[in-house]
Amino acid sequence: MSSADTTPISAERFAAALPSLSLPLLALKVLEIRNSIAHLQYSNDQLRPFAADDNDGGADPVCVDAIRENEAVVERMAERIALIRIEVEDVRGVSWQDFEDKAQMETRAREEGRLASGQQQQQQQQQQQQQEAEGEVTGIAAQVNSVESSPWTDGTFQTGTLRNGEVHMDAVPGTRAANGGEAGGSLSDEQLRAAMEERMRQMTTDEDEDGGLHL
């Protein structure tokens, strides 16, 4: 439906509605009208090459009519801005320059507020993503740390010998001695099996020699 198919609000009705609007609302209305005018003028700029007489095949009548309708709407909108100016200056006694400056300041403040809100939301999303990433790393580390270790190397099982009423415990492989050095190293399954067999042979030999009790 084109603008010609609609019945616009008359200038009288538009002017009669202005007294009930506050100055901020009047300023907003001016901005809306000017924004609409800018869109219509841009549309006409795009249509003019096709409405020109020197266009290949002649001027497009559809484009010509569209430009004419848009220009008529622009004129009505300019008239509404003039009516708002009369309401602001003559009825309310406010300088039009001050009115426009205030409107521009409020518009700029709204734009800055939206920009700040967008930046804050972006920062919150980045922080949330960072926290989720850190949580995943922590979870992986916890899984790695919870892997069951060998009971022969973590101190769960220890061997030793009871001699003369005293228990002599063997060092746990992989633990640090008092001087800060390694008391033992990590053993493979084959090395651990060989060490246990050697230890069992020593325990049997010790039992034959002194009848001690071995653990």
N, C-alpha and C. Protein backbone atom coordinates (compact mmCIF):
# COMPACT_ATOMS: atom_id res chain seq x y z
N MET A 1 0.85 -1.19 0.00
CA MET A 1 0.00 0.00 0.00
C MET A 1 0.88 1.24 0.00
N SER A 2 0.67 2.16 -0.94
CA SER A 2 1.48 3.37 -1.04
C SER A 2 0.93 4.43 -0.12
N SER A 3 1.73 5.52 0.03
CA SER A 3 1.29 6.61 0.89
C SER A 3 0.05 7.29 0.35
N ALA A 4 -0.19 7.17 -0.96
CA ALA A 4 -1.37 7.79 -1.54
C ALA A 4 -2.63 7.05 -1.17
N ASP A 5 -2.52 5.80 -0.76
CA ASP A 5 -3.68 5.01 -0.41
C ASP A 5 -4.11 5.21 1.03
N THR A 6 -3.38 5.94 1.80
CA THR A 6 -3.72 6.19 3.20
C THR A 6 -4.11 7.64 3.40
N THR A 7 -4.93 7.86 4.41
CA THR A 7 -5.37 9.22 4.73
C THR A 7 -4.51 9.75 5.86
N PRO A 8 -3.63 10.71 5.60
CA PRO A 8 -2.76 11.23 6.66
C PRO A 8 -3.55 12.08 7.65
N ILE A 9 -2.99 12.22 8.84
CA ILE A 9 -3.60 13.07 9.86
C ILE A 9 -3.47 14.52 9.40
N SER A 10 -4.55 15.24 9.52
CA SER A 10 -4.53 16.64 9.08
C SER A 10 -3.65 17.46 10.01
N ALA A 11 -3.22 18.62 9.50
CA ALA A 11 -2.38 19.51 10.30
C ALA A 11 -3.13 20.00 11.53
N GLU A 12 -4.44 20.22 11.41
CA GLU A 12 -5.23 20.70 12.54
C GLU A 12 -5.27 19.66 13.66
N ARG A 13 -5.50 18.41 13.31
CA ARG A 13 -5.55 17.35 14.32
C ARG A 13 -4.18 17.16 14.96
N PHE A 14 -3.14 17.24 14.16
CA PHE A 14 -1.79 17.08 14.70
C PHE A 14 -1.48 18.19 15.69
N ALA A 15 -1.81 19.44 15.34
CA ALA A 15 -1.54 20.57 16.23
C ALA A 15 -2.36 20.46 17.52
N ALA A 16 -3.58 19.94 17.42
CA ALA A 16 -4.43 19.82 18.61
C ALA A 16 -3.89 18.79 19.59
N ALA A 17 -3.09 17.84 19.12
CA ALA A 17 -2.56 16.81 20.01
C ALA A 17 -1.27 17.24 20.70
N LEU A 18 -0.65 18.30 20.25
CA LEU A 18 0.65 18.70 20.79
C LEU A 18 0.59 19.21 22.23
N PRO A 19 -0.41 19.97 22.66
CA PRO A 19 -0.40 20.50 24.04
C PRO A 19 -0.34 19.42 25.12
N SER A 20 -0.82 18.23 24.82
CA SER A 20 -0.82 17.17 25.84
C SER A 20 0.52 16.46 25.95
N LEU A 21 1.45 16.79 25.08
CA LEU A 21 2.76 16.12 25.09
C LEU A 21 3.78 16.96 25.84
N SER A 22 4.65 16.28 26.59
CA SER A 22 5.72 16.97 27.30
C SER A 22 6.82 17.35 26.32
N LEU A 23 7.71 18.23 26.77
CA LEU A 23 8.81 18.65 25.90
C LEU A 23 9.70 17.47 25.46
N PRO A 24 10.04 16.53 26.36
CA PRO A 24 10.82 15.38 25.90
C PRO A 24 10.11 14.57 24.82
N LEU A 25 8.78 14.43 24.95
CA LEU A 25 8.05 13.69 23.92
C LEU A 25 8.00 14.47 22.61
N LEU A 26 7.87 15.78 22.71
CA LEU A 26 7.91 16.60 21.49
C LEU A 26 9.27 16.48 20.81
N ALA A 27 10.32 16.48 21.60
CA ALA A 27 11.66 16.33 21.03
C ALA A 27 11.81 14.97 20.36
N LEU A 28 11.26 13.94 20.99
CA LEU A 28 11.32 12.61 20.39
C LEU A 28 10.54 12.57 19.08
N LYS A 29 9.39 13.24 19.07
CA LYS A 29 8.59 13.28 17.85
C LYS A 29 9.35 13.97 16.71
N VAL A 30 10.05 15.05 17.03
CA VAL A 30 10.85 15.74 16.01
C VAL A 30 11.92 14.81 15.44
N LEU A 31 12.58 14.07 16.32
CA LEU A 31 13.62 13.15 15.86
C LEU A 31 13.03 12.05 14.97
N GLU A 32 11.86 11.55 15.34
CA GLU A 32 11.21 10.52 14.53
C GLU A 32 10.85 11.05 13.15
N ILE A 33 10.31 12.27 13.11
CA ILE A 33 9.93 12.85 11.83
C ILE A 33 11.15 13.07 10.95
N ARG A 34 12.21 13.60 11.53
CA ARG A 34 13.42 13.84 10.74
C ARG A 34 14.04 12.54 10.26
N ASN A 35 13.94 11.51 11.05
CA ASN A 35 14.46 10.21 10.63
C ASN A 35 13.65 9.68 9.44
N SER A 36 12.33 9.85 9.49
CA SER A 36 11.49 9.42 8.38
C SER A 36 11.80 10.22 7.12
N ILE A 37 12.00 11.52 7.27
CA ILE A 37 12.35 12.36 6.12
C ILE A 37 13.66 11.89 5.49
N ALA A 38 14.64 11.57 6.33
CA ALA A 38 15.93 11.11 5.81
C ALA A 38 15.78 9.82 5.01
N HIS A 39 14.94 8.91 5.49
CA HIS A 39 14.72 7.65 4.77
C HIS A 39 14.04 7.90 3.42
N LEU A 40 13.05 8.79 3.40
CA LEU A 40 12.35 9.09 2.15
C LEU A 40 13.28 9.77 1.15
N GLN A 41 14.10 10.68 1.62
CA GLN A 41 15.04 11.35 0.73
C GLN A 41 16.07 10.37 0.16
N TYR A 42 16.51 9.44 0.99
CA TYR A 42 17.44 8.41 0.50
C TYR A 42 16.76 7.54 -0.56
N SER A 43 15.50 7.20 -0.30
CA SER A 43 14.76 6.39 -1.27
C SER A 43 14.63 7.12 -2.60
N ASN A 44 14.34 8.41 -2.55
CA ASN A 44 14.23 9.19 -3.78
C ASN A 44 15.56 9.24 -4.53
N ASP A 45 16.65 9.37 -3.80
CA ASP A 45 17.97 9.39 -4.44
C ASP A 45 18.23 8.09 -5.19
N GLN A 46 17.75 6.98 -4.66
CA GLN A 46 17.94 5.70 -5.33
C GLN A 46 17.02 5.55 -6.55
N LEU A 47 15.87 6.22 -6.52
CA LEU A 47 14.90 6.08 -7.61
C LEU A 47 15.15 7.03 -8.77
N ARG A 48 15.78 8.16 -8.52
CA ARG A 48 15.93 9.20 -9.55
C ARG A 48 16.62 8.72 -10.83
N PRO A 49 17.69 7.89 -10.74
CA PRO A 49 18.29 7.43 -12.00
C PRO A 49 17.30 6.70 -12.91
N PHE A 50 16.34 6.00 -12.30
CA PHE A 50 15.37 5.25 -13.11
C PHE A 50 14.20 6.14 -13.56
N ALA A 51 14.05 7.31 -12.92
CA ALA A 51 12.97 8.22 -13.28
C ALA A 51 13.42 9.32 -14.23
N ALA A 52 14.70 9.31 -14.57
CA ALA A 52 15.23 10.34 -15.46
C ALA A 52 14.81 10.08 -16.89
N ASP A 53 14.61 11.17 -17.64
CA ASP A 53 14.18 11.03 -19.03
C ASP A 53 15.25 10.41 -19.91
N ASP A 54 16.53 10.61 -19.54
CA ASP A 54 17.61 10.06 -20.35
C ASP A 54 17.93 8.62 -20.00
N ASN A 55 17.11 8.00 -19.16
CA ASN A 55 17.33 6.60 -18.81
C ASN A 55 17.04 5.72 -20.02
N ASP A 56 17.74 4.61 -20.13
CA ASP A 56 17.50 3.69 -21.24
C ASP A 56 16.04 3.24 -21.22
N GLY A 57 15.35 3.49 -22.31
CA GLY A 57 13.94 3.14 -22.38
C GLY A 57 13.04 4.21 -21.83
N GLY A 58 13.60 5.34 -21.42
CA GLY A 58 12.80 6.43 -20.91
C GLY A 58 12.58 6.32 -19.41
N ALA A 59 11.92 7.30 -18.85
CA ALA A 59 11.66 7.34 -17.41
C ALA A 59 10.67 6.26 -17.02
N ASP A 60 10.98 5.60 -15.90
CA ASP A 60 10.08 4.58 -15.38
C ASP A 60 8.92 5.28 -14.67
N PRO A 61 7.69 5.10 -15.13
CA PRO A 61 6.56 5.81 -14.51
C PRO A 61 6.32 5.41 -13.06
N VAL A 62 6.63 4.17 -12.73
CA VAL A 62 6.45 3.73 -11.34
C VAL A 62 7.40 4.50 -10.42
N CYS A 63 8.64 4.64 -10.86
CA CYS A 63 9.62 5.38 -10.05
C CYS A 63 9.25 6.86 -9.96
N VAL A 64 8.74 7.40 -11.06
CA VAL A 64 8.33 8.80 -11.05
C VAL A 64 7.22 9.03 -10.04
N ASP A 65 6.22 8.16 -10.04
CA ASP A 65 5.11 8.29 -9.09
C ASP A 65 5.59 8.11 -7.65
N ALA A 66 6.51 7.18 -7.43
CA ALA A 66 7.01 6.93 -6.08
C ALA A 66 7.75 8.15 -5.55
N ILE A 67 8.54 8.78 -6.40
CA ILE A 67 9.27 9.98 -5.98
C ILE A 67 8.29 11.10 -5.65
N ARG A 68 7.26 11.25 -6.47
CA ARG A 68 6.28 12.30 -6.24
C ARG A 68 5.55 12.08 -4.91
N GLU A 69 5.19 10.84 -4.62
CA GLU A 69 4.49 10.54 -3.37
C GLU A 69 5.40 10.78 -2.17
N ASN A 70 6.65 10.38 -2.29
CA ASN A 70 7.60 10.60 -1.18
C ASN A 70 7.81 12.08 -0.91
N GLU A 71 7.88 12.86 -1.97
CA GLU A 71 8.07 14.30 -1.79
C GLU A 71 6.86 14.93 -1.10
N ALA A 72 5.67 14.44 -1.41
CA ALA A 72 4.47 14.96 -0.75
C ALA A 72 4.48 14.62 0.73
N VAL A 73 4.94 13.41 1.07
CA VAL A 73 5.02 13.02 2.47
C VAL A 73 6.06 13.86 3.20
N VAL A 74 7.18 14.12 2.56
CA VAL A 74 8.22 14.95 3.16
C VAL A 74 7.69 16.34 3.47
N GLU A 75 6.90 16.89 2.57
CA GLU A 75 6.31 18.22 2.81
C GLU A 75 5.39 18.20 4.03
N ARG A 76 4.57 17.17 4.15
CA ARG A 76 3.68 17.08 5.31
C ARG A 76 4.48 16.96 6.61
N MET A 77 5.55 16.18 6.57
CA MET A 77 6.37 16.01 7.77
C MET A 77 7.08 17.31 8.14
N ALA A 78 7.54 18.04 7.15
CA ALA A 78 8.17 19.33 7.43
C ALA A 78 7.16 20.29 8.05
N GLU A 79 5.92 20.21 7.61
CA GLU A 79 4.86 21.04 8.19
C GLU A 79 4.63 20.67 9.66
N ARG A 80 4.71 19.40 9.98
CA ARG A 80 4.52 18.97 11.37
C ARG A 80 5.65 19.48 12.25
N ILE A 81 6.86 19.47 11.74
CA ILE A 81 7.97 20.03 12.53
C ILE A 81 7.73 21.51 12.79
N ALA A 82 7.21 22.23 11.79
CA ALA A 82 6.91 23.65 11.98
C ALA A 82 5.83 23.84 13.04
N LEU A 83 4.84 22.97 13.08
CA LEU A 83 3.79 23.07 14.10
C LEU A 83 4.37 22.81 15.50
N ILE A 84 5.27 21.85 15.60
CA ILE A 84 5.90 21.57 16.90
C ILE A 84 6.73 22.77 17.34
N ARG A 85 7.38 23.42 16.40
CA ARG A 85 8.18 24.60 16.75
C ARG A 85 7.29 25.72 17.28
N ILE A 86 6.13 25.91 16.67
CA ILE A 86 5.19 26.92 17.17
C ILE A 86 4.76 26.58 18.59
N GLU A 87 4.48 25.29 18.85
CA GLU A 87 4.08 24.87 20.19
C GLU A 87 5.19 25.13 21.20
N VAL A 88 6.41 24.86 20.82
CA VAL A 88 7.54 25.01 21.74
C VAL A 88 7.85 26.48 22.00
N GLU A 89 7.95 27.28 20.95
CA GLU A 89 8.38 28.67 21.10
C GLU A 89 7.24 29.59 21.52
N ASP A 90 6.13 29.55 20.80
CA ASP A 90 5.06 30.52 21.04
C ASP A 90 4.18 30.16 22.22
N VAL A 91 3.91 28.87 22.40
CA VAL A 91 3.00 28.46 23.48
C VAL A 91 3.76 28.24 24.78
N ARG A 92 4.88 27.56 24.74
CA ARG A 92 5.58 27.20 25.98
C ARG A 92 6.76 28.13 26.28
N GLY A 93 7.09 29.01 25.36
CA GLY A 93 8.12 30.01 25.62
C GLY A 93 9.52 29.44 25.76
N VAL A 94 9.81 28.36 25.06
CA VAL A 94 11.13 27.73 25.11
C VAL A 94 11.86 28.02 23.80
N SER A 95 13.14 28.34 23.94
CA SER A 95 13.94 28.60 22.75
C SER A 95 14.05 27.32 21.92
N TRP A 96 13.83 27.45 20.63
CA TRP A 96 13.93 26.29 19.75
C TRP A 96 15.35 25.71 19.74
N GLN A 97 16.34 26.58 19.81
CA GLN A 97 17.73 26.11 19.85
C GLN A 97 17.98 25.30 21.12
N ASP A 98 17.52 25.82 22.27
CA ASP A 98 17.68 25.08 23.52
C ASP A 98 16.92 23.76 23.47
N PHE A 99 15.74 23.81 22.87
CA PHE A 99 14.92 22.60 22.74
C PHE A 99 15.66 21.54 21.93
N GLU A 100 16.23 21.95 20.80
CA GLU A 100 16.95 20.99 19.95
C GLU A 100 18.23 20.51 20.62
N ASP A 101 18.93 21.42 21.29
CA ASP A 101 20.16 21.02 21.98
C ASP A 101 19.87 19.98 23.05
N LYS A 102 18.80 20.22 23.81
CA LYS A 102 18.43 19.27 24.86
C LYS A 102 18.04 17.93 24.25
N ALA A 103 17.31 17.98 23.16
CA ALA A 103 16.91 16.73 22.50
C ALA A 103 18.13 15.96 22.02
N GLN A 104 19.10 16.68 21.44
CA GLN A 104 20.31 16.01 20.98
C GLN A 104 21.11 15.43 22.14
N MET A 105 21.15 16.16 23.26
CA MET A 105 21.86 15.65 24.43
C MET A 105 21.19 14.40 24.96
N GLU A 106 19.85 14.40 25.01
CA GLU A 106 19.14 13.22 25.50
C GLU A 106 19.34 12.04 24.56
N THR A 107 19.33 12.33 23.27
CA THR A 107 19.55 11.26 22.30
C THR A 107 20.95 10.68 22.44
N ARG A 108 21.94 11.57 22.60
CA ARG A 108 23.32 11.12 22.78
C ARG A 108 23.47 10.31 24.06
N ALA A 109 22.78 10.74 25.12
CA ALA A 109 22.85 10.01 26.39
C ALA A 109 22.24 8.62 26.24
N ARG A 110 21.13 8.53 25.50
CA ARG A 110 20.51 7.21 25.29
C ARG A 110 21.44 6.31 24.48
N GLU A 111 22.08 6.88 23.46
CA GLU A 111 22.99 6.08 22.65
C GLU A 111 24.18 5.61 23.47
N GLU A 112 24.72 6.51 24.30
CA GLU A 112 25.85 6.12 25.15
C GLU A 112 25.44 5.07 26.17
N GLY A 113 24.21 5.20 26.68
CA GLY A 113 23.72 4.21 27.63
C GLY A 113 23.58 2.85 26.98
N ARG A 114 23.05 2.81 25.75
CA ARG A 114 22.94 1.53 25.05
C ARG A 114 24.31 0.95 24.75
N LEU A 115 25.26 1.83 24.38
CA LEU A 115 26.62 1.36 24.09
C LEU A 115 27.27 0.79 25.34
N ALA A 116 27.12 1.51 26.47
CA ALA A 116 27.70 1.02 27.73
C ALA A 116 27.07 -0.30 28.15
N SER A 117 25.75 -0.40 27.95
CA SER A 117 25.07 -1.64 28.31
C SER A 117 25.56 -2.80 27.45
N GLY A 118 25.76 -2.53 26.15
CA GLY A 118 26.27 -3.58 25.27
C GLY A 118 27.67 -4.01 25.65
N GLN A 119 28.52 -3.05 26.01
CA GLN A 119 29.89 -3.39 26.43
C GLN A 119 29.87 -4.19 27.72
N GLN A 120 28.98 -3.82 28.65
CA GLN A 120 28.89 -4.55 29.91
C GLN A 120 28.44 -5.98 29.67
N GLN A 121 27.46 -6.17 28.80
CA GLN A 121 27.00 -7.52 28.49
C GLN A 121 28.12 -8.33 27.84
N GLN A 122 28.90 -7.69 26.97
CA GLN A 122 30.01 -8.40 26.33
C GLN A 122 31.05 -8.81 27.35
N GLN A 123 31.37 -7.92 28.30
CA GLN A 123 32.33 -8.26 29.35
C GLN A 123 31.82 -9.41 30.21
N GLN A 124 30.53 -9.38 30.54
CA GLN A 124 29.96 -10.46 31.35
C GLN A 124 30.03 -11.78 30.60
N GLN A 125 29.77 -11.77 29.30
CA GLN A 125 29.86 -13.00 28.52
C GLN A 125 31.29 -13.52 28.48
N GLN A 126 32.26 -12.61 28.33
CA GLN A 126 33.66 -13.02 28.31
C GLN A 126 34.07 -13.61 29.65
N GLN A 127 33.63 -12.97 30.75
CA GLN A 127 33.95 -13.50 32.07
C GLN A 127 33.33 -14.87 32.28
N GLN A 128 32.08 -15.03 31.83
CA GLN A 128 31.42 -16.32 31.97
C GLN A 128 32.14 -17.40 31.17
N GLN A 129 32.55 -17.06 29.94
CA GLN A 129 33.29 -18.03 29.13
C GLN A 129 34.62 -18.38 29.77
N GLN A 130 35.30 -17.38 30.37
CA GLN A 130 36.57 -17.65 31.03
C GLN A 130 36.37 -18.55 32.24
N GLN A 131 35.30 -18.29 33.02
CA GLN A 131 35.03 -19.12 34.18
C GLN A 131 34.70 -20.55 33.76
N GLU A 132 33.94 -20.71 32.68
CA GLU A 132 33.62 -22.05 32.20
C GLU A 132 34.89 -22.77 31.74
N ALA A 133 35.78 -22.03 31.06
CA ALA A 133 37.03 -22.65 30.61
C ALA A 133 37.89 -23.06 31.80
N GLU A 134 37.97 -22.20 32.82
CA GLU A 134 38.75 -22.53 34.02
C GLU A 134 38.13 -23.72 34.74
N GLY A 135 36.80 -23.79 34.74
CA GLY A 135 36.14 -24.93 35.38
C GLY A 135 36.45 -26.23 34.68
N GLU A 136 36.51 -26.19 33.34
CA GLU A 136 36.85 -27.40 32.59
C GLU A 136 38.28 -27.84 32.90
N VAL A 137 39.21 -26.87 32.96
CA VAL A 137 40.60 -27.20 33.27
C VAL A 137 40.71 -27.79 34.67
N THR A 138 39.98 -27.19 35.63
CA THR A 138 40.00 -27.71 37.00
C THR A 138 39.45 -29.12 37.06
N GLY A 139 38.37 -29.37 36.31
CA GLY A 139 37.79 -30.71 36.30
C GLY A 139 38.74 -31.74 35.73
N ILE A 140 39.45 -31.35 34.65
CA ILE A 140 40.42 -32.28 34.06
C ILE A 140 41.55 -32.57 35.04
N ALA A 141 42.02 -31.52 35.72
CA ALA A 141 43.10 -31.70 36.69
C ALA A 141 42.66 -32.60 37.84
N ALA A 142 41.41 -32.44 38.27
CA ALA A 142 40.91 -33.28 39.36
C ALA A 142 40.83 -34.73 38.92
N GLN A 143 40.42 -34.95 37.65
CA GLN A 143 40.37 -36.33 37.16
C GLN A 143 41.76 -36.94 37.10
N VAL A 144 42.73 -36.14 36.65
CA VAL A 144 44.11 -36.65 36.58
C VAL A 144 44.64 -36.97 37.96
N ASN A 145 44.37 -36.08 38.92
CA ASN A 145 44.87 -36.28 40.28
C ASN A 145 44.18 -37.43 41.00
N SER A 146 42.97 -37.78 40.53
CA SER A 146 42.22 -38.83 41.21
C SER A 146 42.53 -40.22 40.66
N VAL A 147 43.42 -40.29 39.64
CA VAL A 147 43.78 -41.60 39.10
C VAL A 147 44.46 -42.43 40.19
N GLU A 148 44.02 -43.69 40.32
CA GLU A 148 44.53 -44.55 41.39
C GLU A 148 46.02 -44.83 41.17
N SER A 149 46.83 -44.57 42.19
CA SER A 149 48.26 -44.83 42.10
C SER A 149 48.56 -46.23 42.64
N SER A 150 49.81 -46.67 42.41
CA SER A 150 50.21 -47.99 42.86
C SER A 150 50.34 -48.02 44.38
N PRO A 151 49.72 -48.98 45.07
CA PRO A 151 49.83 -49.03 46.53
C PRO A 151 51.25 -49.30 47.01
N TRP A 152 52.11 -49.81 46.11
CA TRP A 152 53.48 -50.08 46.51
C TRP A 152 54.35 -48.84 46.43
N THR A 153 53.86 -47.81 45.69
CA THR A 153 54.65 -46.59 45.54
C THR A 153 54.06 -45.40 46.27
N ASP A 154 52.78 -45.49 46.69
CA ASP A 154 52.19 -44.34 47.38
C ASP A 154 52.19 -44.50 48.89
N GLY A 155 52.81 -45.56 49.41
CA GLY A 155 52.90 -45.72 50.85
C GLY A 155 51.79 -46.54 51.47
N THR A 156 50.83 -47.01 50.64
CA THR A 156 49.75 -47.83 51.21
C THR A 156 50.31 -49.14 51.76
N PHE A 157 51.14 -49.80 50.96
CA PHE A 157 51.81 -51.01 51.41
C PHE A 157 53.30 -50.70 51.59
N GLN A 158 53.84 -51.10 52.76
CA GLN A 158 55.26 -50.96 53.01
C GLN A 158 55.82 -52.27 53.56
N THR A 159 57.07 -52.49 53.27
CA THR A 159 57.74 -53.69 53.79
C THR A 159 58.80 -53.27 54.79
N GLY A 160 59.12 -54.20 55.67
CA GLY A 160 60.13 -53.92 56.68
C GLY A 160 60.53 -55.20 57.40
N THR A 161 61.43 -55.07 58.34
CA THR A 161 61.93 -56.23 59.08
C THR A 161 61.91 -55.93 60.57
N LEU A 162 61.50 -56.92 61.36
CA LEU A 162 61.50 -56.79 62.81
C LEU A 162 62.78 -57.43 63.33
N ARG A 163 63.70 -56.62 63.87
CA ARG A 163 64.97 -57.10 64.38
C ARG A 163 65.14 -56.59 65.81
N ASN A 164 65.43 -57.56 66.69
CA ASN A 164 65.70 -57.21 68.08
C ASN A 164 64.60 -56.34 68.70
N GLY A 165 63.36 -56.66 68.33
CA GLY A 165 62.23 -55.92 68.91
C GLY A 165 61.97 -54.59 68.25
N GLU A 166 62.68 -54.22 67.21
CA GLU A 166 62.47 -52.95 66.52
C GLU A 166 62.07 -53.22 65.07
N VAL A 167 61.15 -52.37 64.58
CA VAL A 167 60.67 -52.50 63.21
C VAL A 167 61.50 -51.59 62.33
N HIS A 168 62.11 -52.15 61.32
CA HIS A 168 62.89 -51.38 60.35
C HIS A 168 62.12 -51.38 59.03
N MET A 169 61.52 -50.20 58.66
CA MET A 169 60.70 -50.10 57.46
C MET A 169 61.57 -49.75 56.26
N ASP A 170 61.25 -50.37 55.15
CA ASP A 170 61.93 -50.04 53.90
C ASP A 170 61.40 -48.70 53.38
N ALA A 171 62.24 -47.97 52.64
CA ALA A 171 61.84 -46.69 52.07
C ALA A 171 60.78 -46.90 50.99
N VAL A 172 59.85 -45.95 50.90
CA VAL A 172 58.79 -46.01 49.89
C VAL A 172 59.34 -45.44 48.58
N PRO A 173 59.28 -46.16 47.48
CA PRO A 173 59.79 -45.64 46.21
C PRO A 173 59.09 -44.35 45.83
N GLY A 174 59.88 -43.34 45.38
CA GLY A 174 59.30 -42.09 44.90
C GLY A 174 59.16 -41.04 45.96
N THR A 175 59.42 -41.35 47.26
CA THR A 175 59.31 -40.35 48.32
C THR A 175 60.64 -39.67 48.51
N ARG A 176 60.61 -38.46 49.08
CA ARG A 176 61.84 -37.71 49.30
C ARG A 176 62.41 -38.02 50.68
N ALA A 177 63.71 -38.10 50.71
CA ALA A 177 64.39 -38.31 51.98
C ALA A 177 64.49 -37.00 52.72
N ALA A 178 65.02 -37.07 53.96
CA ALA A 178 65.10 -35.87 54.80
C ALA A 178 66.00 -34.82 54.20
N ASN A 179 67.03 -35.21 53.43
CA ASN A 179 67.95 -34.25 52.85
C ASN A 179 67.41 -33.62 51.57
N GLY A 180 66.18 -33.95 51.24
CA GLY A 180 65.55 -33.35 50.07
C GLY A 180 65.73 -34.14 48.81
N GLY A 181 66.55 -35.20 48.81
CA GLY A 181 66.74 -36.01 47.62
C GLY A 181 65.69 -37.08 47.53
N GLU A 182 65.70 -37.78 46.43
CA GLU A 182 64.74 -38.85 46.24
C GLU A 182 65.19 -40.09 47.00
N ALA A 183 64.28 -40.59 47.84
CA ALA A 183 64.58 -41.82 48.55
C ALA A 183 64.37 -43.02 47.65
N GLY A 184 63.65 -42.86 46.60
CA GLY A 184 63.41 -43.96 45.69
C GLY A 184 62.85 -43.41 44.40
N GLY A 185 62.76 -44.21 43.39
CA GLY A 185 62.23 -43.76 42.11
C GLY A 185 60.99 -44.54 41.75
N SER A 186 60.34 -44.11 40.73
CA SER A 186 59.15 -44.82 40.26
C SER A 186 59.59 -46.10 39.57
N LEU A 187 58.90 -47.19 39.84
CA LEU A 187 59.25 -48.49 39.28
C LEU A 187 58.18 -48.93 38.31
N SER A 188 58.63 -49.56 37.25
CA SER A 188 57.67 -50.16 36.34
C SER A 188 57.14 -51.44 36.97
N ASP A 189 56.10 -52.00 36.35
CA ASP A 189 55.54 -53.25 36.89
C ASP A 189 56.58 -54.36 36.91
N GLU A 190 57.39 -54.43 35.87
CA GLU A 190 58.41 -55.49 35.82
C GLU A 190 59.47 -55.27 36.89
N GLN A 191 59.91 -54.01 37.08
CA GLN A 191 60.90 -53.72 38.11
C GLN A 191 60.34 -53.98 39.50
N LEU A 192 59.06 -53.62 39.70
CA LEU A 192 58.44 -53.85 41.00
C LEU A 192 58.34 -55.34 41.30
N ARG A 193 57.99 -56.12 40.26
CA ARG A 193 57.89 -57.57 40.47
C ARG A 193 59.26 -58.16 40.81
N ALA A 194 60.30 -57.71 40.10
CA ALA A 194 61.64 -58.21 40.38
C ALA A 194 62.10 -57.81 41.77
N ALA A 195 61.77 -56.58 42.18
CA ALA A 195 62.16 -56.12 43.52
C ALA A 195 61.46 -56.93 44.60
N MET A 196 60.18 -57.25 44.39
CA MET A 196 59.45 -58.03 45.38
C MET A 196 60.01 -59.45 45.48
N GLU A 197 60.35 -60.03 44.32
CA GLU A 197 60.93 -61.37 44.37
C GLU A 197 62.26 -61.35 45.10
N GLU A 198 63.07 -60.32 44.84
CA GLU A 198 64.35 -60.21 45.53
C GLU A 198 64.13 -60.02 47.02
N ARG A 199 63.12 -59.22 47.37
CA ARG A 199 62.84 -58.97 48.78
C ARG A 199 62.38 -60.25 49.47
N MET A 200 61.57 -61.04 48.79
CA MET A 200 61.10 -62.30 49.38
C MET A 200 62.26 -63.25 49.60
N ARG A 201 63.21 -63.26 48.66
CA ARG A 201 64.36 -64.13 48.85
C ARG A 201 65.19 -63.65 50.04
N GLN A 202 65.35 -62.31 50.20
CA GLN A 202 66.10 -61.79 51.33
C GLN A 202 65.40 -62.12 52.65
N MET A 203 64.08 -62.01 52.66
CA MET A 203 63.32 -62.31 53.88
C MET A 203 63.49 -63.78 54.26
N THR A 204 63.49 -64.65 53.24
CA THR A 204 63.67 -66.08 53.54
C THR A 204 65.07 -66.34 54.08
N THR A 205 66.06 -65.68 53.49
CA THR A 205 67.45 -65.84 53.96
C THR A 205 67.61 -65.31 55.37
N ASP A 206 67.03 -64.12 55.65
CA ASP A 206 67.12 -63.54 56.98
C ASP A 206 66.46 -64.43 58.02
N GLU A 207 65.33 -65.03 57.64
CA GLU A 207 64.62 -65.90 58.59
C GLU A 207 65.46 -67.12 58.91
N ASP A 208 66.17 -67.67 57.91
CA ASP A 208 67.01 -68.83 58.15
C ASP A 208 68.19 -68.47 59.02
N GLU A 209 68.71 -67.21 58.87
CA GLU A 209 69.91 -66.85 59.60
C GLU A 209 69.64 -66.49 61.05
N ASP A 210 68.63 -65.66 61.32
CA ASP A 210 68.46 -65.21 62.71
C ASP A 210 67.06 -65.48 63.26
N GLY A 211 66.21 -66.15 62.51
CA GLY A 211 64.90 -66.50 63.05
C GLY A 211 64.05 -65.29 63.35
N GLY A 212 64.33 -64.15 62.73
CA GLY A 212 63.54 -62.94 62.98
C GLY A 212 62.17 -63.02 62.34
N LEU A 213 61.31 -62.14 62.79
CA LEU A 213 59.96 -62.05 62.24
C LEU A 213 59.95 -60.93 61.21
N HIS A 214 59.47 -61.24 60.02
CA HIS A 214 59.52 -60.27 58.92
C HIS A 214 58.11 -59.83 58.56
N LEU A 215 58.01 -58.55 58.13
CA LEU A 215 56.73 -58.00 57.67
C LEU A 215 56.80 -57.76 56.17
